[in-house]
Protein backbone atom coordinates (compact mmCIF):
# COMPACT_ATOMS: atom_id res chain seq x y z
CA UNK A 1 0.40 -6.62 -19.66
CA UNK A 2 1.27 -5.62 -16.11
CA UNK A 3 -1.34 -6.17 -13.44
CA UNK A 4 -1.23 -5.31 -9.73
CA UNK A 5 -3.59 -7.15 -7.42
CA UNK A 6 -4.20 -6.09 -3.83
CA UNK A 7 -5.50 -8.34 -1.06
CA UNK A 8 -6.00 -8.31 2.69
CA UNK A 9 -8.49 -5.49 3.17
CA UNK A 10 -11.73 -5.64 5.08
CA UNK A 11 -13.49 -4.56 8.24
CA UNK A 12 -11.57 -4.23 11.50
CA UNK A 13 -12.29 -2.71 14.88
CA UNK A 14 -10.40 0.35 16.12
CA UNK A 15 -7.07 -0.73 17.56
CA UNK A 16 -6.94 -3.76 15.33
CA UNK A 17 -4.53 -4.76 12.59
CA UNK A 18 -4.60 -5.64 8.93
CA UNK A 19 -1.93 -6.66 6.46
CA UNK A 20 -2.31 -5.62 2.85
CA UNK A 21 -0.48 -7.30 0.01
CA UNK A 22 0.03 -6.24 -3.58
CA UNK A 23 1.52 -8.55 -6.16
CA UNK A 24 2.51 -7.63 -9.69
CA UNK A 25 2.29 -9.93 -12.67
CA UNK A 26 3.48 -9.45 -16.21
CA UNK A 27 6.65 -7.99 -17.60
CA UNK A 28 7.11 -5.10 -15.22
CA UNK A 29 10.89 -5.05 -15.23
CA UNK A 30 12.90 -3.83 -12.28
CA UNK A 31 10.85 -1.87 -9.78
CA UNK A 32 12.29 1.27 -8.24
CA UNK A 33 9.68 2.23 -5.70
CA UNK A 34 6.70 0.42 -4.27
CA UNK A 35 4.15 2.49 -2.43
CA UNK A 36 0.73 2.54 -0.88
CA UNK A 37 -1.79 5.34 -1.23
CA UNK A 38 -5.25 5.74 0.18
CA UNK A 39 -8.32 7.75 -0.68
CA UNK A 40 -11.14 8.42 1.73
CA UNK A 41 -14.56 9.60 0.49
CA UNK A 42 -14.44 13.26 -0.46
CA UNK A 43 -10.68 13.49 0.00
CA UNK A 44 -7.66 13.46 -2.26
CA UNK A 45 -5.54 10.37 -2.65
CA UNK A 46 -2.59 10.52 -0.27
CA UNK A 47 0.65 8.62 0.13
CA UNK A 48 0.81 6.42 3.22
CA UNK A 49 4.03 4.51 2.69
CA UNK A 50 6.85 4.15 0.20
CA UNK A 51 9.86 1.87 -0.05
CA UNK A 52 12.69 2.21 -2.54
CA UNK A 53 14.70 -0.57 -4.13
CA UNK A 54 17.42 0.18 -1.60
CA UNK A 55 15.06 -0.28 1.32
CA UNK A 56 14.55 3.38 2.25
CA UNK A 57 11.10 3.91 3.70
CA UNK A 58 8.96 7.02 3.98
CA UNK A 59 5.76 7.58 5.94
CA UNK A 60 3.61 10.61 6.63
CA UNK A 61 3.18 11.63 10.26
CA UNK A 62 -0.39 10.30 10.27
CA UNK A 63 0.75 6.65 10.03
CA UNK A 64 4.37 6.69 11.19
CA UNK A 65 4.87 4.21 14.02
CA UNK A 66 1.66 2.33 13.17
CA UNK A 67 2.18 1.25 9.55
CA UNK A 68 5.12 -0.71 8.19
CA UNK A 69 5.88 -1.23 4.51
CA UNK A 70 8.01 -4.09 3.24
CA UNK A 71 8.77 -5.67 -0.11
CA UNK A 72 9.76 -9.01 -1.56
CA UNK A 73 11.55 -8.36 -4.82
CA UNK A 74 11.64 -12.05 -5.73
CA UNK A 75 7.84 -12.04 -5.74
CA UNK A 76 7.29 -8.48 -7.02
CA UNK A 77 5.16 -7.99 -3.93
CA UNK A 78 4.75 -5.19 -1.44
CA UNK A 79 3.12 -5.43 1.97
CA UNK A 80 1.60 -2.93 4.35
CA UNK A 81 1.26 -3.96 7.96
CA UNK A 82 -1.25 -1.66 9.63
CA UNK A 83 -1.48 -1.69 13.41
CA UNK A 84 -3.43 0.39 15.93
CA UNK A 85 -5.94 1.23 13.25
CA UNK A 86 -8.17 4.24 13.70
CA UNK A 87 -11.52 5.13 12.10
CA UNK A 88 -9.73 7.85 10.12
CA UNK A 89 -7.70 5.13 8.41
CA UNK A 90 -10.87 4.07 6.61
CA UNK A 91 -10.27 4.43 2.88
CA UNK A 92 -9.64 2.61 -0.35
CA UNK A 93 -5.98 1.63 -0.41
CA UNK A 94 -4.01 1.48 -3.66
CA UNK A 95 -0.58 0.12 -4.38
CA UNK A 96 1.68 1.73 -6.93
CA UNK A 97 4.86 0.43 -8.51
CA UNK A 98 7.27 2.70 -10.33
CA UNK A 99 9.76 0.99 -12.58
CA UNK A 100 13.33 2.09 -13.24
CA UNK A 101 12.10 3.04 -16.70
CA UNK A 102 9.79 5.58 -15.07
CA UNK A 103 6.48 3.81 -15.66
CA UNK A 104 3.79 3.84 -12.98
CA UNK A 105 1.46 0.93 -12.36
CA UNK A 106 -1.54 1.05 -10.04
CA UNK A 107 -3.62 -1.58 -8.37
CA UNK A 108 -7.40 -1.52 -8.54
CA UNK A 109 -7.80 -0.55 -4.89
CA UNK A 110 -9.00 -2.40 -1.82
CA UNK A 111 -11.36 -1.23 0.88
CA UNK A 112 -10.29 -0.89 4.50
CA UNK A 113 -12.98 -0.02 7.04
CA UNK A 114 -12.13 0.68 10.66
CA UNK A 115 -15.28 0.68 12.72
CA UNK A 116 -16.77 -0.76 15.86
């Protein structure tokens, strides 16, 4: 059974930084894309960062230049470095892995609160 576990969330002041991690366990196979999504109260879940197996990265304008995604294939782990955090970054953050077989796996979500 594949399980994704996120860590690194919490409360941070505006302008601060956090680093999220998401590690997969179980027989997940080769992973094509690793990504991070977030969902704020009353809003739809949105993509905040994606990295392919070849290292191509995509970010929406709202986080580009502040967030950096990276992956460690040997550990089946993806990271999200979040800098210059803003109150509007407050949300539950989810990681998602998509395997080369086309299966999607989601983490359980981790809270990030940006507030003074």
